[in-house]
Amino acid sequence: TIGATSRQIRRIVKKESRRLGGIGILIGILSGVGGGLLLFPKGFHGGYYGIAVLLTMVVCSCFQKVFMGLIMGQPYF
């Protein structure tokens, strides 16, 4: 980016963010479908769905605390 104008840098960053976002969405969809097939191999069941939702919330909350701790420079928990 040496010698690039701010408009060029903005364009580069937007292009990169769209590309990374698209890749992230694709990976998320594929892992979600794969995880769904692993959790529900015989089909949908309300109890299993509730457990999966709770487990997802716990895991996401832990990741959020760790990453925010890294960003803010504070302890994880």
PDB file of N, CA and C in Angstrom:
ATOM      1  N   THR A   1       0.805  -1.189   0.000  1.00  0.00           N
ATOM      2  CA  THR A   1       0.000   0.000   0.000  1.00  0.00           C
ATOM      3  C   THR A   1       0.853   1.259   0.000  1.00  0.00           C
ATOM      4  N   ILE A   2       2.130   1.106  -0.214  1.00  0.00           N
ATOM      5  CA  ILE A   2       2.995   2.281  -0.271  1.00  0.00           C
ATOM      6  C   ILE A   2       2.659   3.056  -1.537  1.00  0.00           C
ATOM      7  N   GLY A   3       2.349   4.328  -1.381  1.00  0.00           N
ATOM      8  CA  GLY A   3       2.013   5.178  -2.509  1.00  0.00           C
ATOM      9  C   GLY A   3       0.561   5.084  -2.942  1.00  0.00           C
ATOM     10  N   ALA A   4      -0.240   4.304  -2.239  1.00  0.00           N
ATOM     11  CA  ALA A   4      -1.658   4.184  -2.595  1.00  0.00           C
ATOM     12  C   ALA A   4      -2.441   5.332  -1.968  1.00  0.00           C
ATOM     13  N   THR A   5      -3.438   5.772  -2.693  1.00  0.00           N
ATOM     14  CA  THR A   5      -4.287   6.831  -2.155  1.00  0.00           C
ATOM     15  C   THR A   5      -5.278   6.214  -1.161  1.00  0.00           C
ATOM     16  N   SER A   6      -5.918   7.060  -0.374  1.00  0.00           N
ATOM     17  CA  SER A   6      -6.880   6.550   0.607  1.00  0.00           C
ATOM     18  C   SER A   6      -8.062   5.870  -0.092  1.00  0.00           C
ATOM     19  N   ARG A   7      -8.429   6.354  -1.262  1.00  0.00           N
ATOM     20  CA  ARG A   7      -9.521   5.731  -2.020  1.00  0.00           C
ATOM     21  C   ARG A   7      -9.120   4.327  -2.479  1.00  0.00           C
ATOM     22  N   GLN A   8      -7.872   4.167  -2.928  1.00  0.00           N
ATOM     23  CA  GLN A   8      -7.400   2.851  -3.354  1.00  0.00           C
ATOM     24  C   GLN A   8      -7.335   1.888  -2.171  1.00  0.00           C
ATOM     25  N   ILE A   9      -6.878   2.372  -1.043  1.00  0.00           N
ATOM     26  CA  ILE A   9      -6.797   1.531   0.156  1.00  0.00           C
ATOM     27  C   ILE A   9      -8.195   1.095   0.575  1.00  0.00           C
ATOM     28  N   ARG A  10      -9.153   2.024   0.557  1.00  0.00           N
ATOM     29  CA  ARG A  10     -10.532   1.683   0.897  1.00  0.00           C
ATOM     30  C   ARG A  10     -11.070   0.596  -0.032  1.00  0.00           C
ATOM     31  N   ARG A  11     -10.781   0.735  -1.324  1.00  0.00           N
ATOM     32  CA  ARG A  11     -11.250  -0.254  -2.293  1.00  0.00           C
ATOM     33  C   ARG A  11     -10.614  -1.619  -2.033  1.00  0.00           C
ATOM     34  N   ILE A  12      -9.326  -1.634  -1.724  1.00  0.00           N
ATOM     35  CA  ILE A  12      -8.623  -2.880  -1.425  1.00  0.00           C
ATOM     36  C   ILE A  12      -9.215  -3.544  -0.182  1.00  0.00           C
ATOM     37  N   VAL A  13      -9.455  -2.754   0.854  1.00  0.00           N
ATOM     38  CA  VAL A  13      -9.988  -3.294   2.103  1.00  0.00           C
ATOM     39  C   VAL A  13     -11.398  -3.836   1.897  1.00  0.00           C
ATOM     40  N   LYS A  14     -12.228  -3.112   1.153  1.00  0.00           N
ATOM     41  CA  LYS A  14     -13.590  -3.588   0.891  1.00  0.00           C
ATOM     42  C   LYS A  14     -13.579  -4.889   0.097  1.00  0.00           C
ATOM     43  N   LYS A  15     -12.710  -4.964  -0.910  1.00  0.00           N
ATOM     44  CA  LYS A  15     -12.626  -6.173  -1.722  1.00  0.00           C
ATOM     45  C   LYS A  15     -12.177  -7.354  -0.868  1.00  0.00           C
ATOM     46  N   GLU A  16     -11.183  -7.132  -0.027  1.00  0.00           N
ATOM     47  CA  GLU A  16     -10.686  -8.193   0.835  1.00  0.00           C
ATOM     48  C   GLU A  16     -11.745  -8.622   1.853  1.00  0.00           C
ATOM     49  N   SER A  17     -12.478  -7.657   2.402  1.00  0.00           N
ATOM     50  CA  SER A  17     -13.506  -8.007   3.386  1.00  0.00           C
ATOM     51  C   SER A  17     -14.640  -8.792   2.743  1.00  0.00           C
ATOM     52  N   ARG A  18     -15.012  -8.444   1.520  1.00  0.00           N
ATOM     53  CA  ARG A  18     -16.054  -9.216   0.830  1.00  0.00           C
ATOM     54  C   ARG A  18     -15.583 -10.639   0.562  1.00  0.00           C
ATOM     55  N   ARG A  19     -14.346 -10.771   0.152  1.00  0.00           N
ATOM     56  CA  ARG A  19     -13.806 -12.105  -0.139  1.00  0.00           C
ATOM     57  C   ARG A  19     -13.750 -12.941   1.137  1.00  0.00           C
ATOM     58  N   LEU A  20     -13.196 -12.372   2.211  1.00  0.00           N
ATOM     59  CA  LEU A  20     -13.108 -13.111   3.462  1.00  0.00           C
ATOM     60  C   LEU A  20     -14.490 -13.397   4.051  1.00  0.00           C
ATOM     61  N   GLY A  21     -15.407 -12.449   3.909  1.00  0.00           N
ATOM     62  CA  GLY A  21     -16.767 -12.663   4.378  1.00  0.00           C
ATOM     63  C   GLY A  21     -17.448 -13.802   3.642  1.00  0.00           C
ATOM     64  N   GLY A  22     -17.274 -13.835   2.334  1.00  0.00           N
ATOM     65  CA  GLY A  22     -17.859 -14.915   1.535  1.00  0.00           C
ATOM     66  C   GLY A  22     -17.300 -16.269   1.911  1.00  0.00           C
ATOM     67  N   ILE A  23     -15.988 -16.324   2.113  1.00  0.00           N
ATOM     68  CA  ILE A  23     -15.362 -17.581   2.522  1.00  0.00           C
ATOM     69  C   ILE A  23     -15.869 -17.993   3.903  1.00  0.00           C
ATOM     70  N   GLY A  24     -15.964 -17.023   4.822  1.00  0.00           N
ATOM     71  CA  GLY A  24     -16.454 -17.321   6.166  1.00  0.00           C
ATOM     72  C   GLY A  24     -17.890 -17.812   6.166  1.00  0.00           C
ATOM     73  N   ILE A  25     -18.734 -17.195   5.339  1.00  0.00           N
ATOM     74  CA  ILE A  25     -20.131 -17.626   5.240  1.00  0.00           C
ATOM     75  C   ILE A  25     -20.211 -19.049   4.696  1.00  0.00           C
ATOM     76  N   LEU A  26     -19.426 -19.340   3.672  1.00  0.00           N
ATOM     77  CA  LEU A  26     -19.429 -20.682   3.091  1.00  0.00           C
ATOM     78  C   LEU A  26     -18.972 -21.717   4.118  1.00  0.00           C
ATOM     79  N   ILE A  27     -17.891 -21.427   4.827  1.00  0.00           N
ATOM     80  CA  ILE A  27     -17.404 -22.353   5.853  1.00  0.00           C
ATOM     81  C   ILE A  27     -18.449 -22.525   6.956  1.00  0.00           C
ATOM     82  N   GLY A  28     -19.099 -21.431   7.347  1.00  0.00           N
ATOM     83  CA  GLY A  28     -20.122 -21.506   8.379  1.00  0.00           C
ATOM     84  C   GLY A  28     -21.310 -22.354   7.965  1.00  0.00           C
ATOM     85  N   ILE A  29     -21.744 -22.185   6.734  1.00  0.00           N
ATOM     86  CA  ILE A  29     -22.873 -22.978   6.252  1.00  0.00           C
ATOM     87  C   ILE A  29     -22.505 -24.456   6.187  1.00  0.00           C
ATOM     88  N   LEU A  30     -21.341 -24.746   5.636  1.00  0.00           N
ATOM     89  CA  LEU A  30     -20.930 -26.150   5.523  1.00  0.00           C
ATOM     90  C   LEU A  30     -20.729 -26.800   6.888  1.00  0.00           C
ATOM     91  N   SER A  31     -20.099 -26.080   7.819  1.00  0.00           N
ATOM     92  CA  SER A  31     -19.910 -26.658   9.152  1.00  0.00           C
ATOM     93  C   SER A  31     -21.234 -26.772   9.897  1.00  0.00           C
ATOM     94  N   GLY A  32     -22.155 -25.835   9.670  1.00  0.00           N
ATOM     95  CA  GLY A  32     -23.479 -25.927  10.282  1.00  0.00           C
ATOM     96  C   GLY A  32     -24.261 -27.126   9.779  1.00  0.00           C
ATOM     97  N   VAL A  33     -24.223 -27.353   8.486  1.00  0.00           N
ATOM     98  CA  VAL A  33     -24.908 -28.517   7.923  1.00  0.00           C
ATOM     99  C   VAL A  33     -24.257 -29.801   8.420  1.00  0.00           C
ATOM    100  N   GLY A  34     -22.926 -29.827   8.428  1.00  0.00           N
ATOM    101  CA  GLY A  34     -22.221 -31.018   8.921  1.00  0.00           C
ATOM    102  C   GLY A  34     -22.506 -31.276  10.390  1.00  0.00           C
ATOM    103  N   GLY A  35     -22.485 -30.210  11.193  1.00  0.00           N
ATOM    104  CA  GLY A  35     -22.797 -30.359  12.608  1.00  0.00           C
ATOM    105  C   GLY A  35     -24.233 -30.799  12.821  1.00  0.00           C
ATOM    106  N   GLY A  36     -25.141 -30.267  12.019  1.00  0.00           N
ATOM    107  CA  GLY A  36     -26.538 -30.675  12.112  1.00  0.00           C
ATOM    108  C   GLY A  36     -26.723 -32.146  11.796  1.00  0.00           C
ATOM    109  N   LEU A  37     -26.008 -32.616  10.785  1.00  0.00           N
ATOM    110  CA  LEU A  37     -26.101 -34.036  10.448  1.00  0.00           C
ATOM    111  C   LEU A  37     -25.511 -34.908  11.543  1.00  0.00           C
ATOM    112  N   LEU A  38     -24.442 -34.417  12.201  1.00  0.00           N
ATOM    113  CA  LEU A  38     -23.862 -35.187  13.303  1.00  0.00           C
ATOM    114  C   LEU A  38     -24.781 -35.189  14.522  1.00  0.00           C
ATOM    115  N   LEU A  39     -25.389 -34.050  14.819  1.00  0.00           N
ATOM    116  CA  LEU A  39     -26.259 -33.957  15.987  1.00  0.00           C
ATOM    117  C   LEU A  39     -27.607 -34.634  15.760  1.00  0.00           C
ATOM    118  N   PHE A  40     -28.105 -34.588  14.543  1.00  0.00           N
ATOM    119  CA  PHE A  40     -29.436 -35.109  14.244  1.00  0.00           C
ATOM    120  C   PHE A  40     -29.386 -36.139  13.115  1.00  0.00           C
ATOM    121  N   PRO A  41     -28.676 -37.260  13.293  1.00  0.00           N
ATOM    122  CA  PRO A  41     -28.561 -38.223  12.193  1.00  0.00           C
ATOM    123  C   PRO A  41     -29.887 -38.898  11.838  1.00  0.00           C
ATOM    124  N   LYS A  42     -30.819 -38.958  12.787  1.00  0.00           N
ATOM    125  CA  LYS A  42     -32.100 -39.627  12.525  1.00  0.00           C
ATOM    126  C   LYS A  42     -33.230 -38.631  12.301  1.00  0.00           C
ATOM    127  N   GLY A  43     -32.908 -37.371  12.171  1.00  0.00           N
ATOM    128  CA  GLY A  43     -33.933 -36.372  11.949  1.00  0.00           C
ATOM    129  C   GLY A  43     -34.055 -35.414  13.116  1.00  0.00           C
ATOM    130  N   PHE A  44     -35.029 -34.527  13.024  1.00  0.00           N
ATOM    131  CA  PHE A  44     -35.217 -33.466  14.001  1.00  0.00           C
ATOM    132  C   PHE A  44     -35.916 -33.999  15.249  1.00  0.00           C
ATOM    133  N   HIS A  45     -35.416 -33.588  16.407  1.00  0.00           N
ATOM    134  CA  HIS A  45     -36.048 -33.896  17.684  1.00  0.00           C
ATOM    135  C   HIS A  45     -35.926 -32.652  18.552  1.00  0.00           C
ATOM    136  N   GLY A  46     -37.036 -32.181  19.115  1.00  0.00           N
ATOM    137  CA  GLY A  46     -37.061 -30.927  19.859  1.00  0.00           C
ATOM    138  C   GLY A  46     -36.082 -30.868  21.011  1.00  0.00           C
ATOM    139  N   GLY A  47     -35.939 -31.955  21.761  1.00  0.00           N
ATOM    140  CA  GLY A  47     -35.014 -31.980  22.899  1.00  0.00           C
ATOM    141  C   GLY A  47     -33.575 -31.811  22.462  1.00  0.00           C
ATOM    142  N   TYR A  48     -33.197 -32.518  21.409  1.00  0.00           N
ATOM    143  CA  TYR A  48     -31.836 -32.398  20.899  1.00  0.00           C
ATOM    144  C   TYR A  48     -31.572 -30.995  20.361  1.00  0.00           C
ATOM    145  N   TYR A  49     -32.581 -30.418  19.750  1.00  0.00           N
ATOM    146  CA  TYR A  49     -32.436 -29.061  19.223  1.00  0.00           C
ATOM    147  C   TYR A  49     -32.180 -28.071  20.356  1.00  0.00           C
ATOM    148  N   GLY A  50     -32.918 -28.199  21.448  1.00  0.00           N
ATOM    149  CA  GLY A  50     -32.711 -27.328  22.612  1.00  0.00           C
ATOM    150  C   GLY A  50     -31.317 -27.469  23.187  1.00  0.00           C
ATOM    151  N   ILE A  51     -30.832 -28.702  23.278  1.00  0.00           N
ATOM    152  CA  ILE A  51     -29.480 -28.944  23.783  1.00  0.00           C
ATOM    153  C   ILE A  51     -28.448 -28.311  22.850  1.00  0.00           C
ATOM    154  N   ALA A  52     -28.661 -28.445  21.548  1.00  0.00           N
ATOM    155  CA  ALA A  52     -27.735 -27.868  20.576  1.00  0.00           C
ATOM    156  C   ALA A  52     -27.703 -26.348  20.681  1.00  0.00           C
ATOM    157  N   VAL A  53     -28.860 -25.727  20.885  1.00  0.00           N
ATOM    158  CA  VAL A  53     -28.924 -24.268  21.026  1.00  0.00           C
ATOM    159  C   VAL A  53     -28.174 -23.821  22.274  1.00  0.00           C
ATOM    160  N   LEU A  54     -28.408 -24.494  23.392  1.00  0.00           N
ATOM    161  CA  LEU A  54     -27.712 -24.139  24.634  1.00  0.00           C
ATOM    162  C   LEU A  54     -26.206 -24.324  24.508  1.00  0.00           C
ATOM    163  N   LEU A  55     -25.792 -25.432  23.914  1.00  0.00           N
ATOM    164  CA  LEU A  55     -24.368 -25.691  23.720  1.00  0.00           C
ATOM    165  C   LEU A  55     -23.739 -24.623  22.832  1.00  0.00           C
ATOM    166  N   THR A  56     -24.423 -24.226  21.781  1.00  0.00           N
ATOM    167  CA  THR A  56     -23.921 -23.181  20.885  1.00  0.00           C
ATOM    168  C   THR A  56     -23.775 -21.856  21.618  1.00  0.00           C
ATOM    169  N   MET A  57     -24.756 -21.519  22.447  1.00  0.00           N
ATOM    170  CA  MET A  57     -24.686 -20.266  23.202  1.00  0.00           C
ATOM    171  C   MET A  57     -23.504 -20.267  24.171  1.00  0.00           C
ATOM    172  N   VAL A  58     -23.265 -21.389  24.838  1.00  0.00           N
ATOM    173  CA  VAL A  58     -22.154 -21.476  25.785  1.00  0.00           C
ATOM    174  C   VAL A  58     -20.819 -21.344  25.065  1.00  0.00           C
ATOM    175  N   VAL A  59     -20.662 -22.074  23.974  1.00  0.00           N
ATOM    176  CA  VAL A  59     -19.398 -22.035  23.227  1.00  0.00           C
ATOM    177  C   VAL A  59     -19.148 -20.640  22.660  1.00  0.00           C
ATOM    178  N   CYS A  60     -20.157 -20.022  22.080  1.00  0.00           N
ATOM    179  CA  CYS A  60     -19.990 -18.670  21.514  1.00  0.00           C
ATOM    180  C   CYS A  60     -19.679 -17.652  22.603  1.00  0.00           C
ATOM    181  N   SER A  61     -20.309 -17.803  23.755  1.00  0.00           N
ATOM    182  CA  SER A  61     -20.040 -16.888  24.859  1.00  0.00           C
ATOM    183  C   SER A  61     -18.598 -17.011  25.328  1.00  0.00           C
ATOM    184  N   CYS A  62     -18.100 -18.234  25.420  1.00  0.00           N
ATOM    185  CA  CYS A  62     -16.703 -18.440  25.827  1.00  0.00           C
ATOM    186  C   CYS A  62     -15.744 -17.838  24.812  1.00  0.00           C
ATOM    187  N   PHE A  63     -15.983 -18.083  23.523  1.00  0.00           N
ATOM    188  CA  PHE A  63     -15.127 -17.508  22.496  1.00  0.00           C
ATOM    189  C   PHE A  63     -15.154 -15.986  22.545  1.00  0.00           C
ATOM    190  N   GLN A  64     -16.333 -15.428  22.752  1.00  0.00           N
ATOM    191  CA  GLN A  64     -16.458 -13.973  22.808  1.00  0.00           C
ATOM    192  C   GLN A  64     -15.654 -13.411  23.968  1.00  0.00           C
ATOM    193  N   LYS A  65     -15.725 -14.039  25.131  1.00  0.00           N
ATOM    194  CA  LYS A  65     -14.977 -13.553  26.288  1.00  0.00           C
ATOM    195  C   LYS A  65     -13.480 -13.630  26.050  1.00  0.00           C
ATOM    196  N   VAL A  66     -13.027 -14.723  25.451  1.00  0.00           N
ATOM    197  CA  VAL A  66     -11.594 -14.877  25.191  1.00  0.00           C
ATOM    198  C   VAL A  66     -11.119 -13.826  24.193  1.00  0.00           C
ATOM    199  N   PHE A  67     -11.823 -13.669  23.086  1.00  0.00           N
ATOM    200  CA  PHE A  67     -11.394 -12.719  22.067  1.00  0.00           C
ATOM    201  C   PHE A  67     -11.480 -11.277  22.550  1.00  0.00           C
ATOM    202  N   MET A  68     -12.532 -10.940  23.283  1.00  0.00           N
ATOM    203  CA  MET A  68     -12.634  -9.580  23.820  1.00  0.00           C
ATOM    204  C   MET A  68     -11.535  -9.332  24.846  1.00  0.00           C
ATOM    205  N   GLY A  69     -11.190 -10.359  25.612  1.00  0.00           N
ATOM    206  CA  GLY A  69     -10.084 -10.223  26.552  1.00  0.00           C
ATOM    207  C   GLY A  69      -8.768  -9.974  25.845  1.00  0.00           C
ATOM    208  N   LEU A  70      -8.559 -10.656  24.725  1.00  0.00           N
ATOM    209  CA  LEU A  70      -7.335 -10.450  23.946  1.00  0.00           C
ATOM    210  C   LEU A  70      -7.306  -9.053  23.358  1.00  0.00           C
ATOM    211  N   ILE A  71      -8.449  -8.594  22.851  1.00  0.00           N
ATOM    212  CA  ILE A  71      -8.493  -7.272  22.223  1.00  0.00           C
ATOM    213  C   ILE A  71      -8.305  -6.170  23.257  1.00  0.00           C
ATOM    214  N   MET A  72      -8.980  -6.300  24.388  1.00  0.00           N
ATOM    215  CA  MET A  72      -8.941  -5.245  25.412  1.00  0.00           C
ATOM    216  C   MET A  72      -7.743  -5.373  26.340  1.00  0.00           C
ATOM    217  N   GLY A  73      -7.028  -6.487  26.268  1.00  0.00           N
ATOM    218  CA  GLY A  73      -5.864  -6.682  27.125  1.00  0.00           C
ATOM    219  C   GLY A  73      -6.251  -6.951  28.578  1.00  0.00           C
ATOM    220  N   GLN A  74      -7.403  -7.568  28.784  1.00  0.00           N
ATOM    221  CA  GLN A  74      -7.870  -7.893  30.124  1.00  0.00           C
ATOM    222  C   GLN A  74      -7.920  -9.402  30.285  1.00  0.00           C
ATOM    223  N   PRO A  75      -8.042  -9.869  31.542  1.00  0.00           N
ATOM    224  CA  PRO A  75      -8.157 -11.328  31.759  1.00  0.00           C
ATOM    225  C   PRO A  75      -9.360 -11.906  31.020  1.00  0.00           C
ATOM    226  N   TYR A  76      -9.287 -13.176  30.684  1.00  0.00           N
ATOM    227  CA  TYR A  76     -10.326 -13.814  29.895  1.00  0.00           C
ATOM    228  C   TYR A  76     -11.645 -13.924  30.644  1.00  0.00           C
ATOM    229  N   PHE A  77     -11.608 -14.279  31.922  1.00  0.00           N
ATOM    230  CA  PHE A  77     -12.858 -14.482  32.668  1.00  0.00           C
ATOM    231  C   PHE A  77     -12.857 -13.645  33.911  1.00  0.00           C
TER     232      PHE A  77
END
